[in-house]
Amino acid sequence: MGTIYTPKQHEKVRDQRSGRVGEYMATQAGLVHLRPPGGGCEWTTPPDRIEPLNPGLDLQPADPNGAPPRPAL
């Protein structure tokens, strides 16, 4: 089993389950709490399902319906 990534508070990470980018808020009750950059409703994911963002990643605004952003063309 590999090492689980532990981000710093407010660090932007990717939720591998949904593909969404979120700010790391805390880990509680075995789940990671993420919030959309700029604010919004938090969501949870298992700690082994988050990854750091690649430096220079072009972040696009999330769809208001919760769909992950489309890749830039």
C-alpha atoms as a PDB file:
ATOM      1  CA  MET A   1       0.000   0.000   0.000  1.00  0.00           C
ATOM      2  CA  GLY A   2       1.344   3.438  -0.991  1.00  0.00           C
ATOM      3  CA  THR A   3       1.600   6.545   1.102  1.00  0.00           C
ATOM      4  CA  ILE A   4      -1.571   8.643   1.307  1.00  0.00           C
ATOM      5  CA  TYR A   5      -1.051  12.254   0.222  1.00  0.00           C
ATOM      6  CA  THR A   6      -1.673  14.747   3.026  1.00  0.00           C
ATOM      7  CA  PRO A   7      -2.163  18.323   1.739  1.00  0.00           C
ATOM      8  CA  LYS A   8      -1.858  21.544   3.702  1.00  0.00           C
ATOM      9  CA  GLN A   9      -5.050  23.359   4.673  1.00  0.00           C
ATOM     10  CA  HIS A  10      -6.497  25.355   1.723  1.00  0.00           C
ATOM     11  CA  GLU A  11      -4.153  23.600  -0.736  1.00  0.00           C
ATOM     12  CA  LYS A  12      -5.870  22.830  -4.040  1.00  0.00           C
ATOM     13  CA  VAL A  13      -6.127  19.112  -4.820  1.00  0.00           C
ATOM     14  CA  ARG A  14      -7.962  16.913  -7.311  1.00  0.00           C
ATOM     15  CA  ASP A  15     -10.677  14.488  -6.216  1.00  0.00           C
ATOM     16  CA  GLN A  16      -9.947  11.421  -8.353  1.00  0.00           C
ATOM     17  CA  ARG A  17     -13.523  10.132  -8.000  1.00  0.00           C
ATOM     18  CA  SER A  18     -15.197  13.155  -9.571  1.00  0.00           C
ATOM     19  CA  GLY A  19     -12.284  14.913 -11.274  1.00  0.00           C
ATOM     20  CA  ARG A  20     -13.187  18.108  -9.412  1.00  0.00           C
ATOM     21  CA  VAL A  21     -10.596  20.474  -7.958  1.00  0.00           C
ATOM     22  CA  GLY A  22     -11.135  21.539  -4.368  1.00  0.00           C
ATOM     23  CA  GLU A  23      -9.403  23.231  -1.479  1.00  0.00           C
ATOM     24  CA  TYR A  24      -8.447  20.839   1.292  1.00  0.00           C
ATOM     25  CA  MET A  25     -10.237  21.866   4.474  1.00  0.00           C
ATOM     26  CA  ALA A  26      -9.736  18.982   6.936  1.00  0.00           C
ATOM     27  CA  THR A  27      -9.841  15.244   7.468  1.00  0.00           C
ATOM     28  CA  GLN A  28     -12.563  14.132   9.852  1.00  0.00           C
ATOM     29  CA  ALA A  29     -14.124  10.746  10.546  1.00  0.00           C
ATOM     30  CA  GLY A  30     -11.877   9.161   7.935  1.00  0.00           C
ATOM     31  CA  LEU A  31     -12.992  11.457   5.084  1.00  0.00           C
ATOM     32  CA  VAL A  32     -11.318  14.430   3.412  1.00  0.00           C
ATOM     33  CA  HIS A  33     -13.429  17.588   3.284  1.00  0.00           C
ATOM     34  CA  LEU A  34     -12.973  19.676   0.128  1.00  0.00           C
ATOM     35  CA  ARG A  35     -14.472  23.011  -0.889  1.00  0.00           C
ATOM     36  CA  PRO A  36     -14.652  24.480  -4.393  1.00  0.00           C
ATOM     37  CA  PRO A  37     -12.016  27.194  -4.986  1.00  0.00           C
ATOM     38  CA  GLY A  38     -13.619  30.532  -4.216  1.00  0.00           C
ATOM     39  CA  GLY A  39     -16.221  29.000  -1.905  1.00  0.00           C
ATOM     40  CA  GLY A  40     -19.303  26.862  -2.128  1.00  0.00           C
ATOM     41  CA  CYS A  41     -20.622  23.621  -0.688  1.00  0.00           C
ATOM     42  CA  GLU A  42     -18.050  21.217   0.696  1.00  0.00           C
ATOM     43  CA  TRP A  43     -17.953  17.558  -0.302  1.00  0.00           C
ATOM     44  CA  THR A  44     -16.141  14.561   1.075  1.00  0.00           C
ATOM     45  CA  THR A  45     -13.977  11.865  -0.440  1.00  0.00           C
ATOM     46  CA  PRO A  46     -11.728   9.120   0.945  1.00  0.00           C
ATOM     47  CA  PRO A  47      -8.172  10.327   1.666  1.00  0.00           C
ATOM     48  CA  ASP A  48      -6.678   7.835  -0.780  1.00  0.00           C
ATOM     49  CA  ARG A  49      -8.680   9.443  -3.632  1.00  0.00           C
ATOM     50  CA  ILE A  50      -7.047  12.905  -3.615  1.00  0.00           C
ATOM     51  CA  GLU A  51      -3.928  13.953  -5.475  1.00  0.00           C
ATOM     52  CA  PRO A  52      -1.872  17.123  -5.728  1.00  0.00           C
ATOM     53  CA  LEU A  53      -2.414  19.363  -8.729  1.00  0.00           C
ATOM     54  CA  ASN A  54       0.304  19.531 -11.353  1.00  0.00           C
ATOM     55  CA  PRO A  55       2.167  22.856 -11.275  1.00  0.00           C
ATOM     56  CA  GLY A  56       0.933  25.078 -14.090  1.00  0.00           C
ATOM     57  CA  LEU A  57      -2.397  23.268 -14.416  1.00  0.00           C
ATOM     58  CA  ASP A  58      -4.859  25.567 -16.155  1.00  0.00           C
ATOM     59  CA  LEU A  59      -7.798  25.717 -13.752  1.00  0.00           C
ATOM     60  CA  GLN A  60     -11.145  26.467 -15.317  1.00  0.00           C
ATOM     61  CA  PRO A  61     -14.297  27.437 -13.415  1.00  0.00           C
ATOM     62  CA  ALA A  62     -16.438  24.504 -12.375  1.00  0.00           C
ATOM     63  CA  ASP A  63     -19.852  24.025 -13.928  1.00  0.00           C
ATOM     64  CA  PRO A  64     -22.526  25.353 -11.515  1.00  0.00           C
ATOM     65  CA  ASN A  65     -24.263  21.958 -11.805  1.00  0.00           C
ATOM     66  CA  GLY A  66     -21.206  20.210 -10.376  1.00  0.00           C
ATOM     67  CA  ALA A  67     -19.805  18.764 -13.614  1.00  0.00           C
ATOM     68  CA  PRO A  68     -16.002  18.645 -13.770  1.00  0.00           C
ATOM     69  CA  PRO A  69     -14.388  21.249 -16.023  1.00  0.00           C
ATOM     70  CA  ARG A  70     -13.744  20.279 -19.630  1.00  0.00           C
ATOM     71  CA  PRO A  71     -10.104  20.102 -20.740  1.00  0.00           C
ATOM     72  CA  ALA A  72      -8.798  23.154 -22.596  1.00  0.00           C
ATOM     73  CA  LEU A  73      -8.459  22.678 -26.332  1.00  0.00           C
END
